[in-house]
Amino acid sequence: MSYKEPKPMQELHEIRIKLHEENKNLSAKEHAAKVHKEAEEYIKKSGLKIKKASHVN
């Protein structure tokens, strides 16, 4: 008897594989910059009112 994964779980795995392929050659710094840029774009597009955290040194 084999297990058939539910379609939503299959879709999540496909998304994770796609994201891995897009990011696997990025350095940690490049990956962080990409995530930061995408988050800012989403916040702006969504009209969210979020305060930016100040950097702690």
Foldseek 3Di string as FASTA:
>chain_A
DDDDDDPVVVVVVVVVVVVCVVPVPPDPVRVVVVVVVVVVVVCVVVVPDDDDDDDDD
